[in-house]
Amino acid sequence: MKGRLYKMIQDILGIQPDKINIIPNSIPLETQIEYFETSKKVKENLSYDTILQNASWLFNPDISIADKKWLLAQLASITKPEAYRLIEKYLQNPDSELSDWARLAYIESRTLLESEFLNENQIIISSGLGGDDNLLRYFVVFKILNDTLSEGQQKLIEIEIQTIVEEYQGKVEEILIQFPFINILVLLPFNTDLKEVFKKIIHSFKEYQLNILEKFIITNVKKLNRKEIQHFFDGIDRQ
């Protein structure tokens, strides 16, 4: 799995990215999808001068939210510093319905300008759980096969997860043990070999006589609830 996402980007875009811009998880995935679908549409027949002339609409309370959405996506699609500054100015006091939309426009505009003026291949990564800098956020669930866990074993689990994730320059944001499941929320570098990390965690558990199922859940779409987690592992048990 190491570098798989990088290779996919290379295959699709024909580039090796120099920098990854990951959208924070605070922006709903539905908004991200709508924004980038709009962004794709506005890139057809762009007129820089017309867009900049209409930029004052952003600050006009009589202009519809739909029109402002379109204009923000247009501004984010042109490599003009003045377009970036207009988005930045609007983001300081956006319409409440457009706060997330304006943040997406700001990220896209900044990425486009940096790519142009720094001569770097930059891309934007969108996922439900988002990330931080070049780290992607993942929700991971292990299933405990022991009958019970002592307080000492629970502490050991937390220490082992923390230690191994940090070995890979990652961060542990949350560890929740809800027997028989261990739910963790972690940030890991974009090109991390995920299978290697979590297999290493499972192996470390077994060294301390903690029996953990070899198969586990990993997703960067959302945090799963207990019912969804149980459904996944029930499916494994039926195999």
Protein backbone atom coordinates (compact mmCIF):
# COMPACT_ATOMS: atom_id res chain seq x y z
CA MET A 1 0.00 0.00 0.00
CA LYS A 2 3.02 2.24 0.38
CA GLY A 3 2.91 5.03 -2.20
CA ARG A 4 -0.25 3.59 -3.78
CA LEU A 5 -2.10 6.88 -3.63
CA TYR A 6 0.93 8.70 -5.03
CA LYS A 7 1.04 6.22 -7.91
CA MET A 8 -2.67 6.70 -8.59
CA ILE A 9 -2.12 10.46 -8.76
CA GLN A 10 0.79 9.96 -11.14
CA ASP A 11 -1.23 7.62 -13.35
CA ILE A 12 -4.26 9.91 -13.48
CA LEU A 13 -2.60 13.33 -13.59
CA GLY A 14 0.79 12.41 -14.96
CA ILE A 15 2.61 14.17 -12.11
CA GLN A 16 4.40 13.38 -8.88
CA PRO A 17 3.03 15.84 -6.31
CA ASP A 18 5.53 18.03 -4.46
CA LYS A 19 2.96 19.09 -1.90
CA ILE A 20 -0.35 17.73 -0.66
CA ASN A 21 -3.10 20.05 0.57
CA ILE A 22 -5.57 18.09 2.68
CA ILE A 23 -9.01 19.56 3.34
CA PRO A 24 -9.86 19.65 7.08
CA ASN A 25 -12.55 17.27 8.34
CA SER A 26 -14.67 20.14 9.65
CA ILE A 27 -16.01 20.70 6.11
CA PRO A 28 -18.80 18.18 5.36
CA LEU A 29 -18.02 15.76 2.55
CA GLU A 30 -21.26 16.71 0.77
CA THR A 31 -20.10 20.34 0.62
CA GLN A 32 -16.69 19.27 -0.69
CA ILE A 33 -18.28 17.21 -3.46
CA GLU A 34 -20.65 20.00 -4.48
CA TYR A 35 -17.82 22.55 -4.45
CA PHE A 36 -15.46 20.54 -6.69
CA GLU A 37 -18.27 19.65 -9.09
CA THR A 38 -19.00 23.38 -9.39
CA SER A 39 -15.30 24.18 -9.69
CA LYS A 40 -15.01 21.80 -12.63
CA LYS A 41 -17.94 23.47 -14.41
CA VAL A 42 -16.73 27.06 -13.96
CA LYS A 43 -13.35 26.31 -15.50
CA GLU A 44 -14.95 26.24 -18.93
CA ASN A 45 -14.63 29.54 -20.83
CA LEU A 46 -13.24 31.54 -17.93
CA SER A 47 -12.93 35.29 -18.49
CA TYR A 48 -10.48 36.73 -15.97
CA ASP A 49 -11.54 40.33 -16.51
CA THR A 50 -15.26 39.62 -16.23
CA ILE A 51 -14.81 37.58 -13.05
CA LEU A 52 -12.74 40.28 -11.38
CA GLN A 53 -15.24 42.95 -12.44
CA ASN A 54 -18.04 40.97 -10.81
CA ALA A 55 -16.05 40.28 -7.63
CA SER A 56 -17.81 43.06 -5.72
CA TRP A 57 -20.94 40.87 -5.76
CA LEU A 58 -19.37 38.84 -2.95
CA PHE A 59 -19.88 41.74 -0.57
CA ASN A 60 -23.37 42.64 -1.77
CA PRO A 61 -26.11 41.27 0.55
CA ASP A 62 -28.62 41.37 -2.32
CA ILE A 63 -26.73 38.82 -4.40
CA SER A 64 -28.01 35.24 -4.02
CA ILE A 65 -26.05 32.53 -2.26
CA ALA A 66 -26.08 30.46 -5.47
CA ASP A 67 -24.47 33.30 -7.45
CA LYS A 68 -21.85 33.82 -4.75
CA LYS A 69 -21.02 30.12 -4.77
CA TRP A 70 -20.42 30.26 -8.51
CA LEU A 71 -18.33 33.44 -8.21
CA LEU A 72 -16.15 32.03 -5.43
CA ALA A 73 -15.45 28.93 -7.50
CA GLN A 74 -14.60 31.14 -10.48
CA LEU A 75 -12.23 33.31 -8.46
CA ALA A 76 -10.51 30.22 -7.10
CA SER A 77 -9.94 28.96 -10.64
CA ILE A 78 -7.82 31.83 -11.92
CA THR A 79 -4.14 32.40 -11.22
CA LYS A 80 -4.40 36.03 -10.18
CA PRO A 81 -3.17 37.22 -6.76
CA GLU A 82 -6.03 39.71 -6.66
CA ALA A 83 -8.53 36.84 -6.92
CA TYR A 84 -6.87 35.11 -3.97
CA ARG A 85 -6.95 38.32 -1.92
CA LEU A 86 -10.66 38.80 -2.68
CA ILE A 87 -11.47 35.30 -1.43
CA GLU A 88 -9.28 35.90 1.63
CA LYS A 89 -11.11 39.17 2.34
CA TYR A 90 -14.53 37.53 1.94
CA LEU A 91 -13.50 34.67 4.24
CA GLN A 92 -12.98 37.15 7.07
CA ASN A 93 -16.72 37.83 7.16
CA PRO A 94 -18.58 35.37 4.90
CA ASP A 95 -22.30 34.75 4.63
CA SER A 96 -23.04 32.09 7.25
CA GLU A 97 -24.19 29.61 4.57
CA LEU A 98 -20.93 30.04 2.65
CA SER A 99 -18.29 29.74 5.35
CA ASP A 100 -17.21 26.22 4.34
CA TRP A 101 -17.57 26.99 0.64
CA ALA A 102 -15.32 30.04 0.98
CA ARG A 103 -12.70 27.98 2.84
CA LEU A 104 -12.65 25.48 -0.02
CA ALA A 105 -12.26 28.30 -2.54
CA TYR A 106 -9.43 29.70 -0.44
CA ILE A 107 -7.62 26.33 -0.38
CA GLU A 108 -8.03 25.86 -4.13
CA SER A 109 -6.91 29.41 -4.94
CA ARG A 110 -3.84 29.16 -2.70
CA THR A 111 -2.91 25.77 -4.18
CA LEU A 112 -3.25 27.07 -7.73
CA LEU A 113 -1.13 30.15 -7.03
CA GLU A 114 1.59 28.21 -5.23
CA SER A 115 1.73 25.68 -8.07
CA GLU A 116 2.07 28.51 -10.61
CA PHE A 117 4.56 30.76 -8.86
CA LEU A 118 6.64 28.19 -6.95
CA ASN A 119 6.73 25.81 -9.92
CA GLU A 120 5.53 22.93 -7.73
CA ASN A 121 3.10 20.15 -8.52
CA GLN A 122 0.44 20.51 -5.85
CA ILE A 123 -2.81 18.67 -5.37
CA ILE A 124 -5.81 18.84 -3.03
CA ILE A 125 -6.95 15.71 -1.21
CA SER A 126 -10.56 15.50 -0.08
CA SER A 127 -11.84 12.87 2.37
CA GLY A 128 -14.61 12.61 4.90
CA LEU A 129 -12.25 12.61 7.89
CA GLY A 130 -9.87 15.20 6.44
CA GLY A 131 -6.40 15.70 7.82
CA ASP A 132 -3.75 18.12 8.94
CA ASP A 133 -0.89 19.40 6.76
CA ASN A 134 0.40 16.26 4.96
CA LEU A 135 -1.28 13.89 7.40
CA LEU A 136 -4.49 12.02 6.58
CA ARG A 137 -6.96 11.07 9.29
CA TYR A 138 -8.09 7.44 9.64
CA PHE A 139 -10.64 5.66 11.80
CA VAL A 140 -9.42 2.17 12.71
CA VAL A 141 -11.11 -0.63 14.66
CA PHE A 142 -9.55 -3.81 16.06
CA LYS A 143 -11.55 -6.65 17.60
CA ILE A 144 -10.36 -8.17 20.89
CA LEU A 145 -10.70 -11.95 21.16
CA ASN A 146 -9.81 -12.18 24.87
CA ASP A 147 -12.75 -12.80 27.22
CA THR A 148 -11.90 -9.72 29.29
CA LEU A 149 -9.31 -6.96 29.55
CA SER A 150 -7.64 -5.84 32.74
CA GLU A 151 -6.93 -2.20 33.45
CA GLY A 152 -3.24 -2.93 32.88
CA GLN A 153 -3.92 -4.49 29.48
CA GLN A 154 -6.00 -1.48 28.45
CA LYS A 155 -3.14 0.83 29.40
CA LEU A 156 -0.72 -1.37 27.46
CA ILE A 157 -2.93 -1.14 24.37
CA GLU A 158 -2.87 2.66 24.54
CA ILE A 159 0.92 2.78 24.98
CA GLU A 160 1.61 0.36 22.08
CA ILE A 161 -0.68 2.23 19.68
CA GLN A 162 0.83 5.60 20.65
CA THR A 163 4.42 4.33 20.32
CA ILE A 164 3.99 2.67 16.92
CA VAL A 165 1.99 5.50 15.34
CA GLU A 166 4.65 7.98 16.44
CA GLU A 167 7.34 5.76 14.87
CA TYR A 168 5.68 6.56 11.54
CA GLN A 169 5.58 10.31 12.28
CA GLY A 170 1.86 10.10 12.98
CA LYS A 171 -0.40 11.34 15.76
CA VAL A 172 -3.00 9.54 17.86
CA GLU A 173 -6.05 11.70 18.42
CA GLU A 174 -8.33 9.22 20.16
CA ILE A 175 -8.27 5.72 21.59
CA LEU A 176 -11.58 4.31 22.78
CA ILE A 177 -11.84 0.77 24.11
CA GLN A 178 -15.44 -0.43 23.96
CA PHE A 179 -15.07 -4.16 24.54
CA PRO A 180 -14.61 -6.11 22.35
CA PHE A 181 -13.56 -3.25 20.06
CA ILE A 182 -10.61 -0.84 20.09
CA ASN A 183 -11.50 2.31 18.16
CA ILE A 184 -8.70 4.69 17.25
CA LEU A 185 -8.52 7.96 15.35
CA VAL A 186 -5.07 8.64 13.96
CA LEU A 187 -3.24 11.01 11.64
CA LEU A 188 -0.57 9.46 9.41
CA PRO A 189 1.63 10.83 6.61
CA PHE A 190 0.05 10.71 3.19
CA ASN A 191 2.39 8.04 1.79
CA THR A 192 2.43 5.74 4.83
CA ASP A 193 2.18 1.99 4.32
CA LEU A 194 -1.03 1.60 6.33
CA LYS A 195 -1.05 -2.19 6.32
CA GLU A 196 2.46 -2.23 7.76
CA VAL A 197 1.53 0.14 10.60
CA PHE A 198 -1.56 -1.69 11.77
CA LYS A 199 -0.15 -5.18 11.32
CA LYS A 200 2.75 -4.07 13.50
CA ILE A 201 0.29 -2.90 16.16
CA ILE A 202 -1.52 -6.26 16.09
CA HIS A 203 1.80 -8.12 16.36
CA SER A 204 2.83 -6.01 19.36
CA PHE A 205 -0.46 -6.86 21.10
CA LYS A 206 0.12 -10.57 20.63
CA GLU A 207 3.57 -10.33 22.19
CA TYR A 208 1.75 -9.41 25.41
CA GLN A 209 -0.80 -12.25 25.13
CA LEU A 210 -3.49 -9.94 23.81
CA ASN A 211 -5.51 -11.87 21.26
CA ILE A 212 -6.61 -9.56 18.44
CA LEU A 213 -8.39 -10.52 15.21
CA GLU A 214 -6.04 -10.22 12.22
CA LYS A 215 -8.67 -8.45 10.13
CA PHE A 216 -9.53 -4.87 11.06
CA ILE A 217 -11.46 -1.84 9.84
CA ILE A 218 -9.74 1.20 8.38
CA THR A 219 -11.52 4.12 6.71
CA ASN A 220 -10.93 7.80 6.01
CA VAL A 221 -14.59 8.47 5.20
CA LYS A 222 -16.19 8.70 8.65
CA LYS A 223 -16.18 7.41 12.23
CA LEU A 224 -18.37 4.33 12.40
CA ASN A 225 -20.91 3.73 15.13
CA ARG A 226 -21.03 0.50 17.13
CA LYS A 227 -23.82 -0.97 15.00
CA GLU A 228 -21.80 -0.42 11.80
CA ILE A 229 -18.68 -1.88 13.41
CA GLN A 230 -20.58 -4.93 14.66
CA HIS A 231 -22.09 -5.47 11.21
CA PHE A 232 -18.61 -5.49 9.63
CA PHE A 233 -17.20 -8.07 12.04
CA ASP A 234 -20.36 -10.18 11.88
CA GLY A 235 -19.73 -10.45 8.15
CA ILE A 236 -16.20 -11.71 8.83
CA ASP A 237 -17.52 -14.31 11.30
CA ARG A 238 -19.90 -15.66 8.63
CA GLN A 239 -17.12 -16.14 6.09
